[in-house]
Protein backbone atom coordinates (compact mmCIF):
# COMPACT_ATOMS: atom_id res chain seq x y z
CA MET A 1 14.49 -1.82 1.22
CA LYS A 2 12.95 1.14 -0.33
CA ILE A 3 12.06 3.40 2.57
CA LYS A 4 9.99 6.87 2.52
CA LEU A 5 10.51 9.03 5.22
CA ASP A 6 7.04 11.04 6.86
CA GLU A 7 6.93 14.41 6.97
CA ASN A 8 7.64 14.77 10.25
CA VAL A 9 11.08 13.34 10.53
CA THR A 10 13.94 15.25 9.20
CA VAL A 11 15.34 15.21 5.91
CA ALA A 12 18.47 14.34 7.76
CA ALA A 13 17.19 10.47 8.42
CA GLU A 14 17.80 9.87 4.92
CA ALA A 15 21.38 9.24 5.72
CA PRO A 16 21.62 6.18 7.67
CA PRO A 17 19.76 4.13 5.72
CA ARG A 18 21.18 5.04 2.40
CA ALA A 19 24.63 4.25 3.59
CA ALA A 20 23.29 1.15 4.70
CA GLY A 21 22.15 0.62 0.70
CA HIS A 22 18.48 1.27 0.85
CA GLN A 23 16.71 3.64 -1.31
CA VAL A 24 15.13 6.45 0.45
CA ASP A 25 11.90 9.12 -0.83
CA THR A 26 10.42 11.55 0.91
CA VAL A 27 7.39 12.79 1.28
CA SER A 28 7.95 16.48 0.99
CA ASP A 29 10.40 15.79 -2.03
CA GLU A 30 7.07 14.05 -3.63
CA GLY A 31 5.00 16.96 -2.99
CA LEU A 32 2.68 14.30 -0.59
CA THR A 33 3.22 17.03 2.35
CA GLY A 34 -0.39 16.93 3.88
CA THR A 35 -1.58 13.63 2.17
CA PRO A 36 -3.72 12.06 4.32
CA ASP A 37 -2.34 8.76 6.24
CA PRO A 38 -4.58 6.17 4.24
CA ALA A 39 -3.47 7.40 1.34
CA LEU A 40 0.15 8.22 1.67
CA LEU A 41 0.06 4.11 3.05
CA ASP A 42 -1.59 3.78 -0.56
CA VAL A 43 1.06 5.40 -1.91
CA CYS A 44 4.14 3.62 0.15
CA ARG A 45 2.03 -0.22 -1.03
CA ARG A 46 2.36 0.86 -4.32
CA GLU A 47 6.05 1.29 -4.41
CA GLN A 48 6.27 -1.28 -2.05
CA ARG A 49 8.10 1.33 0.74
CA LEU A 50 8.54 0.79 4.51
CA LEU A 51 7.20 4.03 6.02
CA ILE A 52 9.39 5.47 8.61
CA THR A 53 7.38 8.41 10.83
CA PHE A 54 6.38 9.72 14.20
CA ASP A 55 3.04 10.12 13.69
CA VAL A 56 1.41 7.24 16.42
CA GLY A 57 -1.77 6.97 14.22
CA PHE A 58 0.00 4.63 11.70
CA GLY A 59 0.63 2.09 15.54
CA ASP A 60 -3.38 1.34 15.01
CA LEU A 61 -3.17 -2.40 14.17
CA ARG A 62 -6.75 -2.38 13.56
CA ALA A 63 -6.36 0.15 10.23
CA TYR A 64 -3.30 -0.53 9.25
CA PRO A 65 -3.21 -4.01 10.00
CA PRO A 66 0.36 -5.16 9.29
CA GLN A 67 0.23 -7.75 6.11
CA ASP A 68 -1.51 -4.79 4.51
CA HIS A 69 1.59 -2.73 3.48
CA ALA A 70 5.02 -3.34 3.33
CA GLY A 71 5.90 -2.18 6.93
CA ILE A 72 5.86 0.38 8.96
CA ILE A 73 8.45 2.07 11.81
CA VAL A 74 6.62 4.92 14.25
CA LEU A 75 9.77 6.40 15.92
CA ARG A 76 8.38 6.95 19.73
CA LEU A 77 11.56 9.40 20.86
CA ARG A 78 11.23 11.25 24.14
CA ASP A 79 13.51 13.43 22.27
CA GLN A 80 13.07 14.44 18.17
CA GLN A 81 16.10 16.09 17.76
CA PRO A 82 17.70 15.78 14.65
CA SER A 83 20.79 14.04 16.51
CA VAL A 84 18.67 11.92 18.68
CA VAL A 85 16.67 10.31 15.42
CA LEU A 86 19.46 9.69 13.57
CA ASP A 87 21.82 7.98 16.59
CA VAL A 88 18.50 5.63 16.43
CA LEU A 89 18.23 5.24 13.22
CA HIS A 90 21.85 4.57 12.87
CA ARG A 91 21.68 2.02 15.55
CA LEU A 92 18.18 0.39 13.48
CA VAL A 93 20.33 0.28 10.28
CA GLY A 94 22.83 -1.50 12.07
CA GLN A 95 20.97 -3.85 14.21
CA HIS A 96 18.59 -5.14 12.09
CA ASP A 97 17.97 -5.94 8.71
CA LEU A 98 15.02 -3.78 7.33
CA SER A 99 13.24 -5.91 4.62
CA SER A 100 12.22 -8.22 8.06
CA PHE A 101 10.07 -5.39 9.03
CA SER A 102 8.23 -5.90 5.56
CA GLY A 103 4.76 -6.81 6.94
CA ALA A 104 4.98 -5.64 10.24
CA LEU A 105 4.46 -3.07 12.95
CA ALA A 106 7.70 -1.56 14.47
CA ILE A 107 7.55 0.76 17.91
CA ALA A 108 11.39 2.00 17.78
CA GLY A 109 12.50 4.21 20.76
CA GLU A 110 15.86 5.27 22.24
CA ASP A 111 16.36 1.94 23.44
CA ARG A 112 14.37 -0.94 22.12
CA VAL A 113 12.01 -2.17 19.37
CA ARG A 114 8.66 -3.73 19.31
CA ILE A 115 7.90 -5.84 16.17
CA ARG A 116 4.33 -6.63 15.36
CA ARG A 117 3.43 -8.80 12.49
CA GLU A 118 -0.14 -9.42 13.60
């Protein structure tokens, strides 16, 4: 699975998906920092990458219908410290086949994941 980490997600978050065999790029490494959300999602579409972000704007199903992209995971964490983000991503990668998020919006919290496909 190809994944893109948004600029608001710690670069340390690359480790859990990479350890599970996924290809991970970051918005920062690609010089896309500050790219408007619709343009960033267009990049993810072209590259067929799942986007992992803290940006709740990507959770708007009207603006970003799940069938139109390779998947979005919005992290909704009370504590956004890197150690918490890493714990959540380790659990997410360990408990879910990330390719199953293709064409879906997933909202990942500390203790659960909600998935919308429509």
